[in-house]
Amino acid sequence: MTGDVYTLGVWKVKADKHGEFIAAWESLGRAFRKLPNPPSGKGTLVQSVNDPDLFYSFGLWESIDDIQAMRENPDAEEGIQALRELCTEATPGTFHVVGEG
């Protein structure tokens, strides 16, 4: 599958770790940009206004294969693990576009 595939992470960050989480997410983005097939554009991290511990991150990739290669990359694995350690819940996933409005 190629085109319009995204990584999407749902992160429930420990209350006293927001700043560390944001810094770790930015570091992971720098690691992604060094990959042989990096994301197609900039990643995005958003924080809930109603629940400040809840963050979502997403980024566009060229293909499922590129996402799989990223997940097998030691630097990316280390960065994702660093994010997980700052969370009470962490759910990264892969998604593809099925509609637009």
PDB file of N, CA and C in Angstrom:
ATOM      1  N   MET A   1       0.841  -1.171   0.000  1.00  0.00           N
ATOM      2  CA  MET A   1       0.000   0.000   0.000  1.00  0.00           C
ATOM      3  C   MET A   1       0.891   1.240   0.000  1.00  0.00           C
ATOM      4  N   THR A   2       0.628   2.162  -0.913  1.00  0.00           N
ATOM      5  CA  THR A   2       1.420   3.379  -0.985  1.00  0.00           C
ATOM      6  C   THR A   2       0.510   4.596  -0.951  1.00  0.00           C
ATOM      7  N   GLY A   3       1.044   5.719  -0.486  1.00  0.00           N
ATOM      8  CA  GLY A   3       0.321   6.975  -0.447  1.00  0.00           C
ATOM      9  C   GLY A   3      -0.735   7.034   0.627  1.00  0.00           C
ATOM     10  N   ASP A   4      -0.867   8.196   1.245  1.00  0.00           N
ATOM     11  CA  ASP A   4      -1.889   8.455   2.250  1.00  0.00           C
ATOM     12  C   ASP A   4      -1.964   7.394   3.345  1.00  0.00           C
ATOM     13  N   VAL A   5      -0.817   7.035   3.894  1.00  0.00           N
ATOM     14  CA  VAL A   5      -0.768   6.189   5.084  1.00  0.00           C
ATOM     15  C   VAL A   5      -0.149   7.021   6.205  1.00  0.00           C
ATOM     16  N   TYR A   6      -0.696   6.835   7.381  1.00  0.00           N
ATOM     17  CA  TYR A   6      -0.301   7.656   8.521  1.00  0.00           C
ATOM     18  C   TYR A   6       0.085   6.789   9.704  1.00  0.00           C
ATOM     19  N   THR A   7       1.002   7.305  10.496  1.00  0.00           N
ATOM     20  CA  THR A   7       1.163   6.808  11.846  1.00  0.00           C
ATOM     21  C   THR A   7       0.318   7.719  12.726  1.00  0.00           C
ATOM     22  N   LEU A   8      -0.339   7.127  13.711  1.00  0.00           N
ATOM     23  CA  LEU A   8      -1.155   7.878  14.655  1.00  0.00           C
ATOM     24  C   LEU A   8      -0.919   7.279  16.025  1.00  0.00           C
ATOM     25  N   GLY A   9      -0.501   8.112  16.946  1.00  0.00           N
ATOM     26  CA  GLY A   9      -0.279   7.659  18.314  1.00  0.00           C
ATOM     27  C   GLY A   9      -1.224   8.349  19.266  1.00  0.00           C
ATOM     28  N   VAL A  10      -1.760   7.594  20.204  1.00  0.00           N
ATOM     29  CA  VAL A  10      -2.579   8.135  21.288  1.00  0.00           C
ATOM     30  C   VAL A  10      -1.759   7.947  22.558  1.00  0.00           C
ATOM     31  N   TRP A  11      -1.505   9.032  23.251  1.00  0.00           N
ATOM     32  CA  TRP A  11      -0.591   9.031  24.385  1.00  0.00           C
ATOM     33  C   TRP A  11      -1.277   9.643  25.600  1.00  0.00           C
ATOM     34  N   LYS A  12      -1.341   8.908  26.679  1.00  0.00           N
ATOM     35  CA  LYS A  12      -1.831   9.431  27.959  1.00  0.00           C
ATOM     36  C   LYS A  12      -0.582   9.655  28.810  1.00  0.00           C
ATOM     37  N   VAL A  13      -0.159  10.909  28.886  1.00  0.00           N
ATOM     38  CA  VAL A  13       1.127  11.274  29.488  1.00  0.00           C
ATOM     39  C   VAL A  13       0.967  11.483  30.996  1.00  0.00           C
ATOM     40  N   LYS A  14       1.956  11.030  31.737  1.00  0.00           N
ATOM     41  CA  LYS A  14       1.964  11.264  33.186  1.00  0.00           C
ATOM     42  C   LYS A  14       1.891  12.771  33.441  1.00  0.00           C
ATOM     43  N   ALA A  15       1.111  13.168  34.432  1.00  0.00           N
ATOM     44  CA  ALA A  15       0.791  14.584  34.666  1.00  0.00           C
ATOM     45  C   ALA A  15       2.025  15.474  34.803  1.00  0.00           C
ATOM     46  N   ASP A  16       3.061  14.983  35.405  1.00  0.00           N
ATOM     47  CA  ASP A  16       4.247  15.813  35.623  1.00  0.00           C
ATOM     48  C   ASP A  16       5.305  15.638  34.528  1.00  0.00           C
ATOM     49  N   LYS A  17       4.951  15.002  33.407  1.00  0.00           N
ATOM     50  CA  LYS A  17       5.922  14.669  32.371  1.00  0.00           C
ATOM     51  C   LYS A  17       5.627  15.324  31.012  1.00  0.00           C
ATOM     52  N   HIS A  18       4.711  16.290  30.948  1.00  0.00           N
ATOM     53  CA  HIS A  18       4.331  16.880  29.662  1.00  0.00           C
ATOM     54  C   HIS A  18       5.524  17.468  28.906  1.00  0.00           C
ATOM     55  N   GLY A  19       6.332  18.277  29.582  1.00  0.00           N
ATOM     56  CA  GLY A  19       7.488  18.901  28.937  1.00  0.00           C
ATOM     57  C   GLY A  19       8.479  17.865  28.430  1.00  0.00           C
ATOM     58  N   GLU A  20       8.762  16.867  29.250  1.00  0.00           N
ATOM     59  CA  GLU A  20       9.679  15.800  28.841  1.00  0.00           C
ATOM     60  C   GLU A  20       9.116  15.027  27.648  1.00  0.00           C
ATOM     61  N   PHE A  21       7.805  14.792  27.658  1.00  0.00           N
ATOM     62  CA  PHE A  21       7.180  14.067  26.560  1.00  0.00           C
ATOM     63  C   PHE A  21       7.312  14.852  25.252  1.00  0.00           C
ATOM     64  N   ILE A  22       7.016  16.129  25.291  1.00  0.00           N
ATOM     65  CA  ILE A  22       7.113  16.953  24.086  1.00  0.00           C
ATOM     66  C   ILE A  22       8.543  16.952  23.561  1.00  0.00           C
ATOM     67  N   ALA A  23       9.516  17.094  24.443  1.00  0.00           N
ATOM     68  CA  ALA A  23      10.925  17.078  24.025  1.00  0.00           C
ATOM     69  C   ALA A  23      11.301  15.721  23.424  1.00  0.00           C
ATOM     70  N   ALA A  24      10.833  14.630  24.033  1.00  0.00           N
ATOM     71  CA  ALA A  24      11.136  13.286  23.512  1.00  0.00           C
ATOM     72  C   ALA A  24      10.470  13.073  22.156  1.00  0.00           C
ATOM     73  N   TRP A  25       9.254  13.597  21.976  1.00  0.00           N
ATOM     74  CA  TRP A  25       8.554  13.473  20.693  1.00  0.00           C
ATOM     75  C   TRP A  25       9.305  14.245  19.606  1.00  0.00           C
ATOM     76  N   GLU A  26       9.796  15.435  19.927  1.00  0.00           N
ATOM     77  CA  GLU A  26      10.568  16.210  18.962  1.00  0.00           C
ATOM     78  C   GLU A  26      11.869  15.497  18.608  1.00  0.00           C
ATOM     79  N   SER A  27      12.494  14.862  19.582  1.00  0.00           N
ATOM     80  CA  SER A  27      13.706  14.081  19.333  1.00  0.00           C
ATOM     81  C   SER A  27      13.416  12.907  18.405  1.00  0.00           C
ATOM     82  N   LEU A  28      12.287  12.250  18.626  1.00  0.00           N
ATOM     83  CA  LEU A  28      11.895  11.142  17.751  1.00  0.00           C
ATOM     84  C   LEU A  28      11.693  11.652  16.322  1.00  0.00           C
ATOM     85  N   GLY A  29      11.099  12.817  16.168  1.00  0.00           N
ATOM     86  CA  GLY A  29      10.922  13.405  14.840  1.00  0.00           C
ATOM     87  C   GLY A  29      12.254  13.614  14.133  1.00  0.00           C
ATOM     88  N   ARG A  30      13.270  14.047  14.870  1.00  0.00           N
ATOM     89  CA  ARG A  30      14.602  14.212  14.272  1.00  0.00           C
ATOM     90  C   ARG A  30      15.164  12.858  13.838  1.00  0.00           C
ATOM     91  N   ALA A  31      14.928  11.820  14.633  1.00  0.00           N
ATOM     92  CA  ALA A  31      15.372  10.468  14.256  1.00  0.00           C
ATOM     93  C   ALA A  31      14.641   9.998  13.008  1.00  0.00           C
ATOM     94  N   PHE A  32      13.347  10.288  12.910  1.00  0.00           N
ATOM     95  CA  PHE A  32      12.578   9.910  11.721  1.00  0.00           C
ATOM     96  C   PHE A  32      13.150  10.567  10.465  1.00  0.00           C
ATOM     97  N   ARG A  33      13.533  11.829  10.571  1.00  0.00           N
ATOM     98  CA  ARG A  33      14.043  12.544   9.390  1.00  0.00           C
ATOM     99  C   ARG A  33      15.375  11.980   8.897  1.00  0.00           C
ATOM    100  N   LYS A  34      16.068  11.207   9.729  1.00  0.00           N
ATOM    101  CA  LYS A  34      17.334  10.587   9.324  1.00  0.00           C
ATOM    102  C   LYS A  34      17.141   9.221   8.682  1.00  0.00           C
ATOM    103  N   LEU A  35      15.918   8.714   8.680  1.00  0.00           N
ATOM    104  CA  LEU A  35      15.640   7.402   8.091  1.00  0.00           C
ATOM    105  C   LEU A  35      15.838   7.438   6.578  1.00  0.00           C
ATOM    106  N   PRO A  36      16.167   6.299   5.960  1.00  0.00           N
ATOM    107  CA  PRO A  36      16.297   6.257   4.497  1.00  0.00           C
ATOM    108  C   PRO A  36      15.016   6.703   3.777  1.00  0.00           C
ATOM    109  N   ASN A  37      13.858   6.365   4.331  1.00  0.00           N
ATOM    110  CA  ASN A  37      12.566   6.775   3.768  1.00  0.00           C
ATOM    111  C   ASN A  37      11.755   7.448   4.872  1.00  0.00           C
ATOM    112  N   PRO A  38      12.050   8.742   5.129  1.00  0.00           N
ATOM    113  CA  PRO A  38      11.388   9.441   6.231  1.00  0.00           C
ATOM    114  C   PRO A  38       9.930   9.764   5.907  1.00  0.00           C
ATOM    115  N   PRO A  39       9.197  10.276   6.895  1.00  0.00           N
ATOM    116  CA  PRO A  39       7.812  10.686   6.632  1.00  0.00           C
ATOM    117  C   PRO A  39       7.753  11.699   5.489  1.00  0.00           C
ATOM    118  N   SER A  40       6.591  11.766   4.848  1.00  0.00           N
ATOM    119  CA  SER A  40       6.401  12.646   3.702  1.00  0.00           C
ATOM    120  C   SER A  40       6.359  14.120   4.070  1.00  0.00           C
ATOM    121  N   GLY A  41       5.948  14.419   5.276  1.00  0.00           N
ATOM    122  CA  GLY A  41       5.842  15.808   5.720  1.00  0.00           C
ATOM    123  C   GLY A  41       6.202  15.904   7.180  1.00  0.00           C
ATOM    124  N   LYS A  42       5.843  17.028   7.782  1.00  0.00           N
ATOM    125  CA  LYS A  42       6.120  17.209   9.201  1.00  0.00           C
ATOM    126  C   LYS A  42       5.131  16.407  10.040  1.00  0.00           C
ATOM    127  N   GLY A  43       5.613  15.873  11.130  1.00  0.00           N
ATOM    128  CA  GLY A  43       4.726  15.237  12.086  1.00  0.00           C
ATOM    129  C   GLY A  43       3.990  16.298  12.886  1.00  0.00           C
ATOM    130  N   THR A  44       2.903  15.897  13.497  1.00  0.00           N
ATOM    131  CA  THR A  44       2.092  16.823  14.287  1.00  0.00           C
ATOM    132  C   THR A  44       1.793  16.188  15.639  1.00  0.00           C
ATOM    133  N   LEU A  45       1.941  16.986  16.680  1.00  0.00           N
ATOM    134  CA  LEU A  45       1.599  16.561  18.036  1.00  0.00           C
ATOM    135  C   LEU A  45       0.557  17.536  18.561  1.00  0.00           C
ATOM    136  N   VAL A  46      -0.585  17.017  18.996  1.00  0.00           N
ATOM    137  CA  VAL A  46      -1.636  17.864  19.568  1.00  0.00           C
ATOM    138  C   VAL A  46      -1.948  17.397  20.982  1.00  0.00           C
ATOM    139  N   GLN A  47      -2.358  18.361  21.810  1.00  0.00           N
ATOM    140  CA  GLN A  47      -2.697  18.096  23.206  1.00  0.00           C
ATOM    141  C   GLN A  47      -4.151  18.500  23.428  1.00  0.00           C
ATOM    142  N   SER A  48      -4.888  17.672  24.119  1.00  0.00           N
ATOM    143  CA  SER A  48      -6.293  17.955  24.406  1.00  0.00           C
ATOM    144  C   SER A  48      -6.424  19.193  25.293  1.00  0.00           C
ATOM    145  N   VAL A  49      -7.376  20.036  24.946  1.00  0.00           N
ATOM    146  CA  VAL A  49      -7.679  21.201  25.765  1.00  0.00           C
ATOM    147  C   VAL A  49      -8.407  20.771  27.039  1.00  0.00           C
ATOM    148  N   ASN A  50      -9.258  19.767  26.939  1.00  0.00           N
ATOM    149  CA  ASN A  50     -10.065  19.315  28.073  1.00  0.00           C
ATOM    150  C   ASN A  50      -9.346  18.331  28.987  1.00  0.00           C
ATOM    151  N   ASP A  51      -8.372  17.625  28.454  1.00  0.00           N
ATOM    152  CA  ASP A  51      -7.613  16.635  29.227  1.00  0.00           C
ATOM    153  C   ASP A  51      -6.143  16.818  28.877  1.00  0.00           C
ATOM    154  N   PRO A  52      -5.435  17.688  29.590  1.00  0.00           N
ATOM    155  CA  PRO A  52      -4.057  18.021  29.216  1.00  0.00           C
ATOM    156  C   PRO A  52      -3.070  16.847  29.228  1.00  0.00           C
ATOM    157  N   ASP A  53      -3.457  15.711  29.808  1.00  0.00           N
ATOM    158  CA  ASP A  53      -2.592  14.533  29.781  1.00  0.00           C
ATOM    159  C   ASP A  53      -2.723  13.757  28.473  1.00  0.00           C
ATOM    160  N   LEU A  54      -3.718  14.077  27.654  1.00  0.00           N
ATOM    161  CA  LEU A  54      -4.000  13.341  26.426  1.00  0.00           C
ATOM    162  C   LEU A  54      -3.381  14.037  25.218  1.00  0.00           C
ATOM    163  N   PHE A  55      -2.516  13.292  24.509  1.00  0.00           N
ATOM    164  CA  PHE A  55      -1.856  13.790  23.308  1.00  0.00           C
ATOM    165  C   PHE A  55      -2.138  12.833  22.155  1.00  0.00           C
ATOM    166  N   TYR A  56      -2.190  13.378  20.952  1.00  0.00           N
ATOM    167  CA  TYR A  56      -2.252  12.589  19.724  1.00  0.00           C
ATOM    168  C   TYR A  56      -1.102  13.045  18.845  1.00  0.00           C
ATOM    169  N   SER A  57      -0.463  12.111  18.180  1.00  0.00           N
ATOM    170  CA  SER A  57       0.570  12.458  17.211  1.00  0.00           C
ATOM    171  C   SER A  57       0.254  11.746  15.906  1.00  0.00           C
ATOM    172  N   PHE A  58       0.576  12.392  14.796  1.00  0.00           N
ATOM    173  CA  PHE A  58       0.337  11.763  13.505  1.00  0.00           C
ATOM    174  C   PHE A  58       1.297  12.312  12.474  1.00  0.00           C
ATOM    175  N   GLY A  59       1.542  11.492  11.458  1.00  0.00           N
ATOM    176  CA  GLY A  59       2.419  11.891  10.368  1.00  0.00           C
ATOM    177  C   GLY A  59       2.145  11.059   9.126  1.00  0.00           C
ATOM    178  N   LEU A  60       2.324  11.678   7.990  1.00  0.00           N
ATOM    179  CA  LEU A  60       2.094  11.057   6.694  1.00  0.00           C
ATOM    180  C   LEU A  60       3.362  10.366   6.202  1.00  0.00           C
ATOM    181  N   TRP A  61       3.192   9.152   5.684  1.00  0.00           N
ATOM    182  CA  TRP A  61       4.299   8.372   5.140  1.00  0.00           C
ATOM    183  C   TRP A  61       3.959   7.954   3.712  1.00  0.00           C
ATOM    184  N   GLU A  62       4.983   7.599   2.951  1.00  0.00           N
ATOM    185  CA  GLU A  62       4.783   7.179   1.566  1.00  0.00           C
ATOM    186  C   GLU A  62       4.174   5.789   1.448  1.00  0.00           C
ATOM    187  N   SER A  63       4.540   4.900   2.386  1.00  0.00           N
ATOM    188  CA  SER A  63       4.062   3.520   2.250  1.00  0.00           C
ATOM    189  C   SER A  63       4.066   2.803   3.597  1.00  0.00           C
ATOM    190  N   ILE A  64       3.312   1.735   3.646  1.00  0.00           N
ATOM    191  CA  ILE A  64       3.302   0.852   4.819  1.00  0.00           C
ATOM    192  C   ILE A  64       4.707   0.278   5.032  1.00  0.00           C
ATOM    193  N   ASP A  65       5.394  -0.038   3.944  1.00  0.00           N
ATOM    194  CA  ASP A  65       6.755  -0.585   4.051  1.00  0.00           C
ATOM    195  C   ASP A  65       7.686   0.401   4.749  1.00  0.00           C
ATOM    196  N   ASP A  66       7.535   1.701   4.452  1.00  0.00           N
ATOM    197  CA  ASP A  66       8.367   2.711   5.113  1.00  0.00           C
ATOM    198  C   ASP A  66       8.077   2.766   6.612  1.00  0.00           C
ATOM    199  N   ILE A  67       6.812   2.622   6.975  1.00  0.00           N
ATOM    200  CA  ILE A  67       6.448   2.623   8.393  1.00  0.00           C
ATOM    201  C   ILE A  67       7.027   1.384   9.076  1.00  0.00           C
ATOM    202  N   GLN A  68       6.930   0.244   8.425  1.00  0.00           N
ATOM    203  CA  GLN A  68       7.487  -0.990   8.996  1.00  0.00           C
ATOM    204  C   GLN A  68       8.999  -0.870   9.183  1.00  0.00           C
ATOM    205  N   ALA A  69       9.673  -0.304   8.190  1.00  0.00           N
ATOM    206  CA  ALA A  69      11.128  -0.114   8.293  1.00  0.00           C
ATOM    207  C   ALA A  69      11.463   0.826   9.447  1.00  0.00           C
ATOM    208  N   MET A  70      10.648   1.870   9.634  1.00  0.00           N
ATOM    209  CA  MET A  70      10.865   2.787  10.746  1.00  0.00           C
ATOM    210  C   MET A  70      10.743   2.044  12.066  1.00  0.00           C
ATOM    211  N   ARG A  71       9.726   1.201  12.181  1.00  0.00           N
ATOM    212  CA  ARG A  71       9.500   0.491  13.440  1.00  0.00           C
ATOM    213  C   ARG A  71      10.597  -0.527  13.739  1.00  0.00           C
ATOM    214  N   GLU A  72      11.342  -0.938  12.733  1.00  0.00           N
ATOM    215  CA  GLU A  72      12.452  -1.865  12.917  1.00  0.00           C
ATOM    216  C   GLU A  72      13.786  -1.146  13.120  1.00  0.00           C
ATOM    217  N   ASN A  73      13.792   0.168  12.964  1.00  0.00           N
ATOM    218  CA  ASN A  73      15.010   0.963  13.118  1.00  0.00           C
ATOM    219  C   ASN A  73      15.331   1.132  14.603  1.00  0.00           C
ATOM    220  N   PRO A  74      16.554   0.818  15.019  1.00  0.00           N
ATOM    221  CA  PRO A  74      16.893   0.903  16.453  1.00  0.00           C
ATOM    222  C   PRO A  74      16.696   2.293  17.054  1.00  0.00           C
ATOM    223  N   ASP A  75      17.032   3.352  16.320  1.00  0.00           N
ATOM    224  CA  ASP A  75      16.870   4.703  16.853  1.00  0.00           C
ATOM    225  C   ASP A  75      15.391   5.046  17.030  1.00  0.00           C
ATOM    226  N   ALA A  76      14.569   4.644  16.075  1.00  0.00           N
ATOM    227  CA  ALA A  76      13.132   4.890  16.186  1.00  0.00           C
ATOM    228  C   ALA A  76      12.545   4.070  17.334  1.00  0.00           C
ATOM    229  N   GLU A  77      12.943   2.812  17.443  1.00  0.00           N
ATOM    230  CA  GLU A  77      12.458   1.969  18.551  1.00  0.00           C
ATOM    231  C   GLU A  77      12.798   2.601  19.895  1.00  0.00           C
ATOM    232  N   GLU A  78      14.025   3.096  20.010  1.00  0.00           N
ATOM    233  CA  GLU A  78      14.469   3.729  21.256  1.00  0.00           C
ATOM    234  C   GLU A  78      13.644   4.979  21.546  1.00  0.00           C
ATOM    235  N   GLY A  79      13.375   5.775  20.508  1.00  0.00           N
ATOM    236  CA  GLY A  79      12.581   6.985  20.685  1.00  0.00           C
ATOM    237  C   GLY A  79      11.155   6.693  21.082  1.00  0.00           C
ATOM    238  N   ILE A  80      10.555   5.693  20.475  1.00  0.00           N
ATOM    239  CA  ILE A  80       9.179   5.316  20.826  1.00  0.00           C
ATOM    240  C   ILE A  80       9.129   4.787  22.260  1.00  0.00           C
ATOM    241  N   GLN A  81      10.128   4.010  22.638  1.00  0.00           N
ATOM    242  CA  GLN A  81      10.188   3.496  24.010  1.00  0.00           C
ATOM    243  C   GLN A  81      10.328   4.643  25.015  1.00  0.00           C
ATOM    244  N   ALA A  82      11.110   5.665  24.662  1.00  0.00           N
ATOM    245  CA  ALA A  82      11.250   6.824  25.550  1.00  0.00           C
ATOM    246  C   ALA A  82       9.904   7.511  25.757  1.00  0.00           C
ATOM    247  N   LEU A  83       9.085   7.587  24.698  1.00  0.00           N
ATOM    248  CA  LEU A  83       7.751   8.163  24.836  1.00  0.00           C
ATOM    249  C   LEU A  83       6.888   7.297  25.744  1.00  0.00           C
ATOM    250  N   ARG A  84       6.914   5.988  25.520  1.00  0.00           N
ATOM    251  CA  ARG A  84       6.103   5.066  26.325  1.00  0.00           C
ATOM    252  C   ARG A  84       6.393   5.210  27.819  1.00  0.00           C
ATOM    253  N   GLU A  85       7.656   5.403  28.151  1.00  0.00           N
ATOM    254  CA  GLU A  85       8.052   5.486  29.564  1.00  0.00           C
ATOM    255  C   GLU A  85       7.490   6.725  30.255  1.00  0.00           C
ATOM    256  N   LEU A  86       7.093   7.724  29.477  1.00  0.00           N
ATOM    257  CA  LEU A  86       6.535   8.952  30.033  1.00  0.00           C
ATOM    258  C   LEU A  86       5.009   8.918  30.094  1.00  0.00           C
ATOM    259  N   CYS A  87       4.435   7.773  29.751  1.00  0.00           N
ATOM    260  CA  CYS A  87       2.982   7.644  29.634  1.00  0.00           C
ATOM    261  C   CYS A  87       2.418   6.592  30.573  1.00  0.00           C
ATOM    262  N   THR A  88       1.135   6.748  30.885  1.00  0.00           N
ATOM    263  CA  THR A  88       0.404   5.690  31.569  1.00  0.00           C
ATOM    264  C   THR A  88      -0.258   4.772  30.547  1.00  0.00           C
ATOM    265  N   GLU A  89      -0.521   5.299  29.339  1.00  0.00           N
ATOM    266  CA  GLU A  89      -1.054   4.523  28.218  1.00  0.00           C
ATOM    267  C   GLU A  89      -0.409   5.043  26.938  1.00  0.00           C
ATOM    268  N   ALA A  90      -0.086   4.129  26.031  1.00  0.00           N
ATOM    269  CA  ALA A  90       0.509   4.510  24.750  1.00  0.00           C
ATOM    270  C   ALA A  90       0.014   3.554  23.675  1.00  0.00           C
ATOM    271  N   THR A  91      -0.562   4.107  22.617  1.00  0.00           N
ATOM    272  CA  THR A  91      -1.103   3.279  21.545  1.00  0.00           C
ATOM    273  C   THR A  91      -0.694   3.851  20.195  1.00  0.00           C
ATOM    274  N   PRO A  92       0.479   3.466  19.685  1.00  0.00           N
ATOM    275  CA  PRO A  92       0.832   3.864  18.325  1.00  0.00           C
ATOM    276  C   PRO A  92       0.170   2.921  17.319  1.00  0.00           C
ATOM    277  N   GLY A  93      -0.154   3.425  16.147  1.00  0.00           N
ATOM    278  CA  GLY A  93      -0.792   2.596  15.133  1.00  0.00           C
ATOM    279  C   GLY A  93      -0.522   3.111  13.731  1.00  0.00           C
ATOM    280  N   THR A  94      -0.971   2.328  12.760  1.00  0.00           N
ATOM    281  CA  THR A  94      -0.841   2.653  11.345  1.00  0.00           C
ATOM    282  C   THR A  94      -2.227   2.698  10.726  1.00  0.00           C
ATOM    283  N   PHE A  95      -2.486   3.725   9.942  1.00  0.00           N
ATOM    284  CA  PHE A  95      -3.809   3.947   9.364  1.00  0.00           C
ATOM    285  C   PHE A  95      -3.683   4.373   7.906  1.00  0.00           C
ATOM    286  N   HIS A  96      -4.732   4.111   7.119  1.00  0.00           N
ATOM    287  CA  HIS A  96      -4.760   4.605   5.744  1.00  0.00           C
ATOM    288  C   HIS A  96      -6.054   5.369   5.513  1.00  0.00           C
ATOM    289  N   VAL A  97      -6.008   6.306   4.595  1.00  0.00           N
ATOM    290  CA  VAL A  97      -7.146   7.161   4.310  1.00  0.00           C
ATOM    291  C   VAL A  97      -8.204   6.363   3.558  1.00  0.00           C
ATOM    292  N   VAL A  98      -9.450   6.444   4.017  1.00  0.00           N
ATOM    293  CA  VAL A  98     -10.552   5.767   3.354  1.00  0.00           C
ATOM    294  C   VAL A  98     -11.637   6.743   2.914  1.00  0.00           C
ATOM    295  N   GLY A  99     -11.472   8.016   3.238  1.00  0.00           N
ATOM    296  CA  GLY A  99     -12.440   9.019   2.810  1.00  0.00           C
ATOM    297  C   GLY A  99     -11.946  10.397   3.157  1.00  0.00           C
ATOM    298  N   GLU A 100     -12.429  11.375   2.431  1.00  0.00           N
ATOM    299  CA  GLU A 100     -12.102  12.775   2.678  1.00  0.00           C
ATOM    300  C   GLU A 100     -13.351  13.605   2.439  1.00  0.00           C
ATOM    301  N   GLY A 101     -13.486  14.686   3.184  1.00  0.00           N
ATOM    302  CA  GLY A 101     -14.673  15.509   3.032  1.00  0.00           C
ATOM    303  C   GLY A 101     -14.361  16.958   2.824  1.00  0.00           C
TER     304      GLY A 101
END
